C-alpha cells in the first residue's frame, strides 16, 4: 500500500522527520493503521507535490491511498485509481482518534 500526502510541513522539515518516523500527522495515521491491523512498517509513503512524487505514484504497482482532498483531486486528474482517506492532520470532528480510526478502517475495508 502506498499512502500519498501533499508535501512536508515546515515543522516536519524543521524537525527533520518524514511519514516513516511516525511523528506529527503520521502519529494519527500510524494509530489508525494499527487499529486496522496494518503495520506501518509494511506500507510506503510519498508526498505527491514533492520532487518525483507524481512519477513514483504513477509507477507504483499496488493500492494507492490519497490522504486529503488536494491529493485525491490531483490523482483523479492524472487518471490514477486510488482510495481516499482524510488527511491525518485534518481539523474538526474527524481529528478525534476514535473517529479517524473508524474512518480509515471503513475507507480501506476492501484492502483489509
PDB file of N, CA and C in Angstrom:
ATOM      1  N   UNK A   1       0.839  -1.182   0.000  1.00  0.00           N
ATOM      2  CA  UNK A   1       0.000   0.000   0.000  1.00  0.00           C
ATOM      3  C   UNK A   1       0.884   1.246   0.000  1.00  0.00           C
ATOM      4  N   UNK A   2       0.441   2.217  -0.767  1.00  0.00           N
ATOM      5  CA  UNK A   2       1.149   3.488  -0.838  1.00  0.00           C
ATOM      6  C   UNK A   2       0.227   4.591  -0.338  1.00  0.00           C
ATOM      7  N   UNK A   3       0.633   5.274   0.712  1.00  0.00           N
ATOM      8  CA  UNK A   3      -0.114   6.408   1.254  1.00  0.00           C
ATOM      9  C   UNK A   3       0.514   7.673   0.695  1.00  0.00           C
ATOM     10  N   UNK A   4      -0.329   8.505   0.066  1.00  0.00           N
ATOM     11  CA  UNK A   4       0.166   9.686  -0.625  1.00  0.00           C
ATOM     12  C   UNK A   4      -0.322  10.951   0.075  1.00  0.00           C
ATOM     13  N   UNK A   5       0.639  11.746   0.545  1.00  0.00           N
ATOM     14  CA  UNK A   5       0.341  13.025   1.167  1.00  0.00           C
ATOM     15  C   UNK A   5       0.648  14.155   0.200  1.00  0.00           C
ATOM     16  N   UNK A   6       0.576  15.382   0.698  1.00  0.00           N
ATOM     17  CA  UNK A   6       0.813  16.555  -0.145  1.00  0.00           C
ATOM     18  C   UNK A   6       2.309  16.871  -0.197  1.00  0.00           C
ATOM     19  N   UNK A   7       2.806  17.475   0.862  1.00  0.00           N
ATOM     20  CA  UNK A   7       4.223  17.829   0.977  1.00  0.00           C
ATOM     21  C   UNK A   7       4.541  17.968   2.460  1.00  0.00           C
ATOM     22  N   UNK A   8       5.811  17.883   2.771  1.00  0.00           N
ATOM     23  CA  UNK A   8       6.224  18.003   4.173  1.00  0.00           C
ATOM     24  C   UNK A   8       5.913  19.396   4.691  1.00  0.00           C
ATOM     25  N   UNK A   9       5.441  19.452   5.904  1.00  0.00           N
ATOM     26  CA  UNK A   9       5.161  20.741   6.530  1.00  0.00           C
ATOM     27  C   UNK A   9       6.469  21.417   6.930  1.00  0.00           C
ATOM     28  N   UNK A  10       6.376  22.699   7.204  1.00  0.00           N
ATOM     29  CA  UNK A  10       7.556  23.433   7.668  1.00  0.00           C
ATOM     30  C   UNK A  10       8.081  22.833   8.965  1.00  0.00           C
ATOM     31  N   UNK A  11       7.159  22.453   9.855  1.00  0.00           N
ATOM     32  CA  UNK A  11       7.570  21.866  11.124  1.00  0.00           C
ATOM     33  C   UNK A  11       8.255  20.518  10.908  1.00  0.00           C
ATOM     34  N   UNK A  12       7.741  19.700  10.008  1.00  0.00           N
ATOM     35  CA  UNK A  12       8.361  18.399   9.721  1.00  0.00           C
ATOM     36  C   UNK A  12       9.772  18.594   9.176  1.00  0.00           C
ATOM     37  N   UNK A  13       9.937  19.585   8.306  1.00  0.00           N
ATOM     38  CA  UNK A  13      11.272  19.869   7.776  1.00  0.00           C
ATOM     39  C   UNK A  13      12.205  20.334   8.886  1.00  0.00           C
ATOM     40  N   UNK A  14      11.683  21.212   9.737  1.00  0.00           N
ATOM     41  CA  UNK A  14      12.492  21.733  10.844  1.00  0.00           C
ATOM     42  C   UNK A  14      12.907  20.605  11.794  1.00  0.00           C
ATOM     43  N   UNK A  15      11.983  19.678  12.056  1.00  0.00           N
ATOM     44  CA  UNK A  15      12.264  18.549  12.952  1.00  0.00           C
ATOM     45  C   UNK A  15      13.014  17.419  12.242  1.00  0.00           C
ATOM     46  N   UNK A  16      13.127  17.537  10.912  1.00  0.00           N
ATOM     47  CA  UNK A  16      13.790  16.520  10.090  1.00  0.00           C
ATOM     48  C   UNK A  16      13.115  15.157  10.222  1.00  0.00           C
ATOM     49  N   UNK A  17      11.778  15.172  10.133  1.00  0.00           N
ATOM     50  CA  UNK A  17      11.012  13.927  10.192  1.00  0.00           C
ATOM     51  C   UNK A  17      10.221  13.741   8.903  1.00  0.00           C
ATOM     52  N   UNK A  18       9.919  12.483   8.603  1.00  0.00           N
ATOM     53  CA  UNK A  18       9.108  12.133   7.444  1.00  0.00           C
ATOM     54  C   UNK A  18       7.953  11.254   7.924  1.00  0.00           C
ATOM     55  N   UNK A  19       7.103  10.841   6.976  1.00  0.00           N
ATOM     56  CA  UNK A  19       5.989   9.957   7.339  1.00  0.00           C
ATOM     57  C   UNK A  19       6.497   8.707   8.064  1.00  0.00           C
ATOM     58  N   UNK A  20       7.607   8.170   7.631  1.00  0.00           N
ATOM     59  CA  UNK A  20       8.135   6.921   8.194  1.00  0.00           C
ATOM     60  C   UNK A  20       8.480   7.027   9.671  1.00  0.00           C
ATOM     61  N   UNK A  21       8.721   8.237  10.150  1.00  0.00           N
ATOM     62  CA  UNK A  21       9.096   8.425  11.550  1.00  0.00           C
ATOM     63  C   UNK A  21       7.913   8.324  12.509  1.00  0.00           C
ATOM     64  N   UNK A  22       6.693   8.417  11.990  1.00  0.00           N
ATOM     65  CA  UNK A  22       5.523   8.292  12.848  1.00  0.00           C
ATOM     66  C   UNK A  22       5.304   9.471  13.789  1.00  0.00           C
ATOM     67  N   UNK A  23       5.793  10.623  13.410  1.00  0.00           N
ATOM     68  CA  UNK A  23       5.657  11.821  14.247  1.00  0.00           C
ATOM     69  C   UNK A  23       4.681  12.785  13.598  1.00  0.00           C
ATOM     70  N   UNK A  24       4.232  13.780  14.349  1.00  0.00           N
ATOM     71  CA  UNK A  24       3.302  14.802  13.871  1.00  0.00           C
ATOM     72  C   UNK A  24       2.049  14.126  13.294  1.00  0.00           C
ATOM     73  N   UNK A  25       1.640  14.476  12.076  1.00  0.00           N
ATOM     74  CA  UNK A  25       0.417  13.896  11.496  1.00  0.00           C
ATOM     75  C   UNK A  25       0.541  12.388  11.315  1.00  0.00           C
ATOM     76  N   UNK A  26       1.751  11.913  11.110  1.00  0.00           N
ATOM     77  CA  UNK A  26       1.955  10.473  10.920  1.00  0.00           C
ATOM     78  C   UNK A  26       1.554   9.679  12.163  1.00  0.00           C
ATOM     79  N   UNK A  27       1.629  10.282  13.323  1.00  0.00           N
ATOM     80  CA  UNK A  27       1.230   9.592  14.563  1.00  0.00           C
ATOM     81  C   UNK A  27      -0.239   9.192  14.483  1.00  0.00           C
ATOM     82  N   UNK A  28      -1.088  10.121  14.054  1.00  0.00           N
ATOM     83  CA  UNK A  28      -2.517   9.835  13.911  1.00  0.00           C
ATOM     84  C   UNK A  28      -2.736   8.725  12.875  1.00  0.00           C
ATOM     85  N   UNK A  29      -2.016   8.796  11.769  1.00  0.00           N
ATOM     86  CA  UNK A  29      -2.135   7.774  10.732  1.00  0.00           C
ATOM     87  C   UNK A  29      -1.644   6.423  11.242  1.00  0.00           C
ATOM     88  N   UNK A  30      -0.503   6.383  11.906  1.00  0.00           N
ATOM     89  CA  UNK A  30       0.031   5.129  12.433  1.00  0.00           C
ATOM     90  C   UNK A  30      -0.947   4.492  13.412  1.00  0.00           C
ATOM     91  N   UNK A  31      -1.540   5.291  14.278  1.00  0.00           N
ATOM     92  CA  UNK A  31      -2.528   4.754  15.228  1.00  0.00           C
ATOM     93  C   UNK A  31      -3.705   4.132  14.479  1.00  0.00           C
ATOM     94  N   UNK A  32      -4.162   4.796  13.421  1.00  0.00           N
ATOM     95  CA  UNK A  32      -5.288   4.276  12.636  1.00  0.00           C
ATOM     96  C   UNK A  32      -4.889   2.993  11.902  1.00  0.00           C
ATOM     97  N   UNK A  33      -3.686   2.950  11.360  1.00  0.00           N
ATOM     98  CA  UNK A  33      -3.234   1.745  10.667  1.00  0.00           C
ATOM     99  C   UNK A  33      -3.152   0.567  11.635  1.00  0.00           C
ATOM    100  N   UNK A  34      -2.591   0.804  12.801  1.00  0.00           N
ATOM    101  CA  UNK A  34      -2.504  -0.262  13.806  1.00  0.00           C
ATOM    102  C   UNK A  34      -3.896  -0.732  14.211  1.00  0.00           C
ATOM    103  N   UNK A  35      -4.830   0.191  14.333  1.00  0.00           N
ATOM    104  CA  UNK A  35      -6.224  -0.133  14.654  1.00  0.00           C
ATOM    105  C   UNK A  35      -6.813  -1.070  13.587  1.00  0.00           C
ATOM    106  N   UNK A  36      -6.374  -0.879  12.347  1.00  0.00           N
ATOM    107  CA  UNK A  36      -6.855  -1.698  11.232  1.00  0.00           C
ATOM    108  C   UNK A  36      -6.065  -2.999  11.070  1.00  0.00           C
ATOM    109  N   UNK A  37      -5.061  -3.195  11.911  1.00  0.00           N
ATOM    110  CA  UNK A  37      -4.235  -4.396  11.808  1.00  0.00           C
ATOM    111  C   UNK A  37      -3.129  -4.287  10.769  1.00  0.00           C
ATOM    112  N   UNK A  38      -2.767  -3.079  10.402  1.00  0.00           N
ATOM    113  CA  UNK A  38      -1.713  -2.841   9.417  1.00  0.00           C
ATOM    114  C   UNK A  38      -0.472  -2.321  10.139  1.00  0.00           C
ATOM    115  N   UNK A  39       0.652  -2.963   9.902  1.00  0.00           N
ATOM    116  CA  UNK A  39       1.913  -2.491  10.473  1.00  0.00           C
ATOM    117  C   UNK A  39       2.423  -1.340   9.606  1.00  0.00           C
ATOM    118  N   UNK A  40       2.600  -0.155  10.166  1.00  0.00           N
ATOM    119  CA  UNK A  40       3.085   0.985   9.379  1.00  0.00           C
ATOM    120  C   UNK A  40       4.415   0.721   8.670  1.00  0.00           C
ATOM    121  N   UNK A  41       5.185  -0.232   9.152  1.00  0.00           N
ATOM    122  CA  UNK A  41       6.458  -0.568   8.501  1.00  0.00           C
ATOM    123  C   UNK A  41       6.237  -1.303   7.178  1.00  0.00           C
ATOM    124  N   UNK A  42       5.015  -1.838   6.998  1.00  0.00           N
ATOM    125  CA  UNK A  42       4.715  -2.622   5.803  1.00  0.00           C
ATOM    126  C   UNK A  42       4.098  -1.807   4.673  1.00  0.00           C
ATOM    127  N   UNK A  43       3.986  -0.502   4.845  1.00  0.00           N
ATOM    128  CA  UNK A  43       3.409   0.352   3.802  1.00  0.00           C
ATOM    129  C   UNK A  43       4.437   1.394   3.367  1.00  0.00           C
ATOM    130  N   UNK A  44       4.148   2.039   2.259  1.00  0.00           N
ATOM    131  CA  UNK A  44       5.049   3.073   1.760  1.00  0.00           C
ATOM    132  C   UNK A  44       4.362   4.428   1.823  1.00  0.00           C
ATOM    133  N   UNK A  45       5.171   5.473   1.812  1.00  0.00           N
ATOM    134  CA  UNK A  45       4.679   6.839   1.869  1.00  0.00           C
ATOM    135  C   UNK A  45       5.373   7.667   0.797  1.00  0.00           C
ATOM    136  N   UNK A  46       4.629   8.598   0.247  1.00  0.00           N
ATOM    137  CA  UNK A  46       5.198   9.524  -0.724  1.00  0.00           C
ATOM    138  C   UNK A  46       4.370  10.801  -0.686  1.00  0.00           C
ATOM    139  N   UNK A  47       5.018  11.919  -0.871  1.00  0.00           N
ATOM    140  CA  UNK A  47       4.313  13.196  -0.971  1.00  0.00           C
ATOM    141  C   UNK A  47       4.212  13.552  -2.448  1.00  0.00           C
ATOM    142  N   UNK A  48       2.979  13.745  -2.909  1.00  0.00           N
ATOM    143  CA  UNK A  48       2.726  13.941  -4.331  1.00  0.00           C
ATOM    144  C   UNK A  48       3.327  15.239  -4.864  1.00  0.00           C
ATOM    145  N   UNK A  49       3.268  16.296  -4.072  1.00  0.00           N
ATOM    146  CA  UNK A  49       3.713  17.603  -4.555  1.00  0.00           C
ATOM    147  C   UNK A  49       5.167  17.897  -4.200  1.00  0.00           C
ATOM    148  N   UNK A  50       5.970  16.852  -4.185  1.00  0.00           N
ATOM    149  CA  UNK A  50       7.403  16.983  -3.983  1.00  0.00           C
ATOM    150  C   UNK A  50       8.122  16.316  -5.148  1.00  0.00           C
ATOM    151  N   UNK A  51       9.420  16.530  -5.212  1.00  0.00           N
ATOM    152  CA  UNK A  51      10.229  16.008  -6.319  1.00  0.00           C
ATOM    153  C   UNK A  51       9.946  14.523  -6.567  1.00  0.00           C
ATOM    154  N   UNK A  52       9.697  14.197  -7.813  1.00  0.00           N
ATOM    155  CA  UNK A  52       9.456  12.825  -8.270  1.00  0.00           C
ATOM    156  C   UNK A  52       8.182  12.198  -7.698  1.00  0.00           C
ATOM    157  N   UNK A  53       7.384  12.956  -6.970  1.00  0.00           N
ATOM    158  CA  UNK A  53       6.154  12.409  -6.398  1.00  0.00           C
ATOM    159  C   UNK A  53       5.225  11.829  -7.442  1.00  0.00           C
ATOM    160  N   UNK A  54       4.818  12.620  -8.442  1.00  0.00           N
ATOM    161  CA  UNK A  54       3.901  12.092  -9.449  1.00  0.00           C
ATOM    162  C   UNK A  54       4.466  10.893 -10.214  1.00  0.00           C
ATOM    163  N   UNK A  55       5.742  10.943 -10.542  1.00  0.00           N
ATOM    164  CA  UNK A  55       6.370   9.842 -11.278  1.00  0.00           C
ATOM    165  C   UNK A  55       6.344   8.558 -10.458  1.00  0.00           C
ATOM    166  N   UNK A  56       6.695   8.669  -9.186  1.00  0.00           N
ATOM    167  CA  UNK A  56       6.698   7.495  -8.315  1.00  0.00           C
ATOM    168  C   UNK A  56       5.298   6.927  -8.173  1.00  0.00           C
ATOM    169  N   UNK A  57       4.329   7.780  -7.908  1.00  0.00           N
ATOM    170  CA  UNK A  57       2.955   7.321  -7.693  1.00  0.00           C
ATOM    171  C   UNK A  57       2.408   6.654  -8.957  1.00  0.00           C
ATOM    172  N   UNK A  58       2.641   7.242 -10.113  1.00  0.00           N
ATOM    173  CA  UNK A  58       2.142   6.668 -11.376  1.00  0.00           C
ATOM    174  C   UNK A  58       2.734   5.294 -11.638  1.00  0.00           C
ATOM    175  N   UNK A  59       3.967   5.068 -11.208  1.00  0.00           N
ATOM    176  CA  UNK A  59       4.622   3.787 -11.478  1.00  0.00           C
ATOM    177  C   UNK A  59       4.405   2.759 -10.372  1.00  0.00           C
ATOM    178  N   UNK A  60       3.731   3.155  -9.304  1.00  0.00           N
ATOM    179  CA  UNK A  60       3.543   2.248  -8.164  1.00  0.00           C
ATOM    180  C   UNK A  60       2.593   1.115  -8.550  1.00  0.00           C
ATOM    181  N   UNK A  61       2.967  -0.087  -8.186  1.00  0.00           N
ATOM    182  CA  UNK A  61       2.150  -1.260  -8.501  1.00  0.00           C
ATOM    183  C   UNK A  61       1.525  -1.790  -7.219  1.00  0.00           C
ATOM    184  N   UNK A  62       0.369  -1.284  -6.870  1.00  0.00           N
ATOM    185  CA  UNK A  62      -0.328  -1.697  -5.662  1.00  0.00           C
ATOM    186  C   UNK A  62      -1.372  -0.656  -5.306  1.00  0.00           C
ATOM    187  N   UNK A  63      -2.096  -0.894  -4.220  1.00  0.00           N
ATOM    188  CA  UNK A  63      -3.132   0.054  -3.810  1.00  0.00           C
ATOM    189  C   UNK A  63      -2.542   1.405  -3.408  1.00  0.00           C
ATOM    190  N   UNK A  64      -3.185   2.460  -3.866  1.00  0.00           N
ATOM    191  CA  UNK A  64      -2.760   3.824  -3.575  1.00  0.00           C
ATOM    192  C   UNK A  64      -3.852   4.495  -2.752  1.00  0.00           C
ATOM    193  N   UNK A  65      -3.445   5.131  -1.667  1.00  0.00           N
ATOM    194  CA  UNK A  65      -4.384   5.805  -0.776  1.00  0.00           C
ATOM    195  C   UNK A  65      -4.041   7.286  -0.747  1.00  0.00           C
ATOM    196  N   UNK A  66      -4.977   8.113  -1.207  1.00  0.00           N
ATOM    197  CA  UNK A  66      -4.801   9.563  -1.176  1.00  0.00           C
ATOM    198  C   UNK A  66      -5.195  10.067   0.201  1.00  0.00           C
ATOM    199  N   UNK A  67      -4.323  10.868   0.794  1.00  0.00           N
ATOM    200  CA  UNK A  67      -4.614  11.463   2.092  1.00  0.00           C
ATOM    201  C   UNK A  67      -4.986  12.924   1.892  1.00  0.00           C
ATOM    202  N   UNK A  68      -6.277  13.179   1.812  1.00  0.00           N
ATOM    203  CA  UNK A  68      -6.766  14.539   1.676  1.00  0.00           C
ATOM    204  C   UNK A  68      -7.330  14.841   0.302  1.00  0.00           C
ATOM    205  N   UNK A  69      -8.133  15.901   0.257  1.00  0.00           N
ATOM    206  CA  UNK A  69      -8.816  16.301  -0.972  1.00  0.00           C
ATOM    207  C   UNK A  69      -7.866  16.750  -2.074  1.00  0.00           C
ATOM    208  N   UNK A  70      -6.834  17.509  -1.729  1.00  0.00           N
ATOM    209  CA  UNK A  70      -5.912  18.023  -2.746  1.00  0.00           C
ATOM    210  C   UNK A  70      -5.215  16.884  -3.484  1.00  0.00           C
ATOM    211  N   UNK A  71      -4.753  15.901  -2.733  1.00  0.00           N
ATOM    212  CA  UNK A  71      -4.073  14.763  -3.345  1.00  0.00           C
ATOM    213  C   UNK A  71      -5.064  13.936  -4.150  1.00  0.00           C
ATOM    214  N   UNK A  72      -6.236  13.703  -3.607  1.00  0.00           N
ATOM    215  CA  UNK A  72      -7.242  12.925  -4.318  1.00  0.00           C
ATOM    216  C   UNK A  72      -7.587  13.586  -5.658  1.00  0.00           C
ATOM    217  N   UNK A  73      -7.761  14.887  -5.656  1.00  0.00           N
ATOM    218  CA  UNK A  73      -8.067  15.606  -6.891  1.00  0.00           C
ATOM    219  C   UNK A  73      -6.924  15.474  -7.897  1.00  0.00           C
ATOM    220  N   UNK A  74      -5.685  15.632  -7.438  1.00  0.00           N
ATOM    221  CA  UNK A  74      -4.526  15.511  -8.328  1.00  0.00           C
ATOM    222  C   UNK A  74      -4.436  14.104  -8.922  1.00  0.00           C
ATOM    223  N   UNK A  75      -4.707  13.092  -8.113  1.00  0.00           N
ATOM    224  CA  UNK A  75      -4.664  11.719  -8.613  1.00  0.00           C
ATOM    225  C   UNK A  75      -5.774  11.471  -9.626  1.00  0.00           C
ATOM    226  N   UNK A  76      -6.971  11.989  -9.359  1.00  0.00           N
ATOM    227  CA  UNK A  76      -8.078  11.859 -10.318  1.00  0.00           C
ATOM    228  C   UNK A  76      -7.713  12.517 -11.647  1.00  0.00           C
ATOM    229  N   UNK A  77      -7.146  13.719 -11.568  1.00  0.00           N
ATOM    230  CA  UNK A  77      -6.765  14.456 -12.784  1.00  0.00           C
ATOM    231  C   UNK A  77      -5.693  13.689 -13.577  1.00  0.00           C
ATOM    232  N   UNK A  78      -4.843  12.944 -12.871  1.00  0.00           N
ATOM    233  CA  UNK A  78      -3.796  12.159 -13.529  1.00  0.00           C
ATOM    234  C   UNK A  78      -4.287  10.775 -13.947  1.00  0.00           C
ATOM    235  N   UNK A  79      -5.549  10.473 -13.653  1.00  0.00           N
ATOM    236  CA  UNK A  79      -6.113   9.175 -14.027  1.00  0.00           C
ATOM    237  C   UNK A  79      -5.592   8.027 -13.186  1.00  0.00           C
ATOM    238  N   UNK A  80      -5.218   8.304 -11.955  1.00  0.00           N
ATOM    239  CA  UNK A  80      -4.661   7.280 -11.065  1.00  0.00           C
ATOM    240  C   UNK A  80      -5.761   6.805 -10.118  1.00  0.00           C
ATOM    241  N   UNK A  81      -6.079   5.529 -10.187  1.00  0.00           N
ATOM    242  CA  UNK A  81      -7.073   4.960  -9.276  1.00  0.00           C
ATOM    243  C   UNK A  81      -6.532   4.978  -7.860  1.00  0.00           C
ATOM    244  N   UNK A  82      -7.412   5.257  -6.906  1.00  0.00           N
ATOM    245  CA  UNK A  82      -6.960   5.348  -5.519  1.00  0.00           C
ATOM    246  C   UNK A  82      -8.136   5.253  -4.554  1.00  0.00           C
ATOM    247  N   UNK A  83      -7.785   4.997  -3.326  1.00  0.00           N
ATOM    248  CA  UNK A  83      -8.722   5.062  -2.209  1.00  0.00           C
ATOM    249  C   UNK A  83      -8.534   6.429  -1.566  1.00  0.00           C
ATOM    250  N   UNK A  84      -9.529   6.873  -0.824  1.00  0.00           N
ATOM    251  CA  UNK A  84      -9.454   8.178  -0.182  1.00  0.00           C
ATOM    252  C   UNK A  84      -9.586   8.045   1.326  1.00  0.00           C
ATOM    253  N   UNK A  85      -8.727   8.762   2.049  1.00  0.00           N
ATOM    254  CA  UNK A  85      -8.919   8.975   3.481  1.00  0.00           C
ATOM    255  C   UNK A  85      -8.647  10.448   3.752  1.00  0.00           C
ATOM    256  N   UNK A  86      -9.265  10.953   4.792  1.00  0.00           N
ATOM    257  CA  UNK A  86      -8.958  12.323   5.195  1.00  0.00           C
ATOM    258  C   UNK A  86      -7.505  12.384   5.627  1.00  0.00           C
ATOM    259  N   UNK A  87      -6.912  13.527   5.431  1.00  0.00           N
ATOM    260  CA  UNK A  87      -5.530  13.710   5.867  1.00  0.00           C
ATOM    261  C   UNK A  87      -5.493  13.564   7.386  1.00  0.00           C
ATOM    262  N   UNK A  88      -4.493  12.890   7.936  1.00  0.00           N
ATOM    263  CA  UNK A  88      -4.449  12.677   9.384  1.00  0.00           C
ATOM    264  C   UNK A  88      -4.330  13.959  10.206  1.00  0.00           C
ATOM    265  N   UNK A  89      -3.981  15.065   9.576  1.00  0.00           N
ATOM    266  CA  UNK A  89      -3.912  16.336  10.300  1.00  0.00           C
ATOM    267  C   UNK A  89      -5.182  17.167  10.118  1.00  0.00           C
ATOM    268  N   UNK A  90      -6.210  16.565   9.516  1.00  0.00           N
ATOM    269  CA  UNK A  90      -7.465  17.293   9.287  1.00  0.00           C
ATOM    270  C   UNK A  90      -8.038  17.789  10.612  1.00  0.00           C
ATOM    271  N   UNK A  91      -8.716  18.898  10.553  1.00  0.00           N
ATOM    272  CA  UNK A  91      -9.315  19.504  11.746  1.00  0.00           C
ATOM    273  C   UNK A  91     -10.791  19.155  11.830  1.00  0.00           C
ATOM    274  N   UNK A  92     -11.346  19.393  12.984  1.00  0.00           N
ATOM    275  CA  UNK A  92     -12.769  19.147  13.188  1.00  0.00           C
ATOM    276  C   UNK A  92     -13.007  17.805  13.847  1.00  0.00           C
ATOM    277  N   UNK A  93     -14.217  17.321  13.724  1.00  0.00           N
ATOM    278  CA  UNK A  93     -14.635  16.082  14.381  1.00  0.00           C
ATOM    279  C   UNK A  93     -13.764  14.895  13.989  1.00  0.00           C
ATOM    280  N   UNK A  94     -13.324  14.860  12.730  1.00  0.00           N
ATOM    281  CA  UNK A  94     -12.516  13.733  12.240  1.00  0.00           C
ATOM    282  C   UNK A  94     -11.195  13.614  13.001  1.00  0.00           C
ATOM    283  N   UNK A  95     -10.775  14.667  13.626  1.00  0.00           N
ATOM    284  CA  UNK A  95      -9.499  14.670  14.354  1.00  0.00           C
ATOM    285  C   UNK A  95      -9.532  13.764  15.588  1.00  0.00           C
ATOM    286  N   UNK A  96     -10.724  13.526  16.123  1.00  0.00           N
ATOM    287  CA  UNK A  96     -10.833  12.651  17.291  1.00  0.00           C
ATOM    288  C   UNK A  96     -10.335  11.259  16.895  1.00  0.00           C
ATOM    289  N   UNK A  97      -9.409  10.734  17.665  1.00  0.00           N
ATOM    290  CA  UNK A  97      -8.726   9.491  17.317  1.00  0.00           C
ATOM    291  C   UNK A  97      -9.672   8.342  16.958  1.00  0.00           C
ATOM    292  N   UNK A  98     -10.695   8.116  17.772  1.00  0.00           N
ATOM    293  CA  UNK A  98     -11.611   7.003  17.527  1.00  0.00           C
ATOM    294  C   UNK A  98     -12.348   7.174  16.201  1.00  0.00           C
ATOM    295  N   UNK A  99     -12.741   8.399  15.905  1.00  0.00           N
ATOM    296  CA  UNK A  99     -13.470   8.671  14.664  1.00  0.00           C
ATOM    297  C   UNK A  99     -12.541   8.496  13.462  1.00  0.00           C
ATOM    298  N   UNK A 100     -11.311   8.991  13.574  1.00  0.00           N
ATOM    299  CA  UNK A 100     -10.361   8.860  12.470  1.00  0.00           C
ATOM    300  C   UNK A 100     -10.031   7.386  12.216  1.00  0.00           C
ATOM    301  N   UNK A 101      -9.822   6.636  13.267  1.00  0.00           N
ATOM    302  CA  UNK A 101      -9.515   5.211  13.113  1.00  0.00           C
ATOM    303  C   UNK A 101     -10.648   4.480  12.399  1.00  0.00           C
ATOM    304  N   UNK A 102     -11.867   4.753  12.767  1.00  0.00           N
ATOM    305  CA  UNK A 102     -13.031   4.126  12.118  1.00  0.00           C
ATOM    306  C   UNK A 102     -13.139   4.572  10.660  1.00  0.00           C
ATOM    307  N   UNK A 103     -12.863   5.838  10.409  1.00  0.00           N
ATOM    308  CA  UNK A 103     -12.898   6.362   9.039  1.00  0.00           C
ATOM    309  C   UNK A 103     -11.899   5.599   8.158  1.00  0.00           C
ATOM    310  N   UNK A 104     -10.679   5.441   8.631  1.00  0.00           N
ATOM    311  CA  UNK A 104      -9.654   4.740   7.871  1.00  0.00           C
ATOM    312  C   UNK A 104     -10.072   3.287   7.662  1.00  0.00           C
ATOM    313  N   UNK A 105     -10.553   2.646   8.689  1.00  0.00           N
ATOM    314  CA  UNK A 105     -10.985   1.247   8.590  1.00  0.00           C
ATOM    315  C   UNK A 105     -12.108   1.085   7.556  1.00  0.00           C
ATOM    316  N   UNK A 106     -13.056   1.990   7.578  1.00  0.00           N
ATOM    317  CA  UNK A 106     -14.180   1.934   6.634  1.00  0.00           C
ATOM    318  C   UNK A 106     -13.709   2.154   5.203  1.00  0.00           C
ATOM    319  N   UNK A 107     -12.867   3.163   5.001  1.00  0.00           N
ATOM    320  CA  UNK A 107     -12.442   3.506   3.651  1.00  0.00           C
ATOM    321  C   UNK A 107     -11.435   2.521   3.057  1.00  0.00           C
ATOM    322  N   UNK A 108     -10.766   1.768   3.912  1.00  0.00           N
ATOM    323  CA  UNK A 108      -9.806   0.780   3.418  1.00  0.00           C
ATOM    324  C   UNK A 108     -10.315  -0.645   3.571  1.00  0.00           C
ATOM    325  N   UNK A 109     -11.601  -0.789   3.846  1.00  0.00           N
ATOM    326  CA  UNK A 109     -12.189  -2.115   4.106  1.00  0.00           C
ATOM    327  C   UNK A 109     -11.880  -3.118   2.995  1.00  0.00           C
ATOM    328  N   UNK A 110     -11.870  -2.690   1.753  1.00  0.00           N
ATOM    329  CA  UNK A 110     -11.593  -3.602   0.629  1.00  0.00           C
ATOM    330  C   UNK A 110     -10.160  -4.112   0.650  1.00  0.00           C
ATOM    331  N   UNK A 111      -9.272  -3.418   1.345  1.00  0.00           N
ATOM    332  CA  UNK A 111      -7.866  -3.808   1.383  1.00  0.00           C
ATOM    333  C   UNK A 111      -7.509  -4.628   2.616  1.00  0.00           C
ATOM    334  N   UNK A 112      -8.410  -4.652   3.590  1.00  0.00           N
ATOM    335  CA  UNK A 112      -8.099  -5.316   4.863  1.00  0.00           C
ATOM    336  C   UNK A 112      -8.445  -6.792   4.810  1.00  0.00           C
TER     337      UNK A 112
END
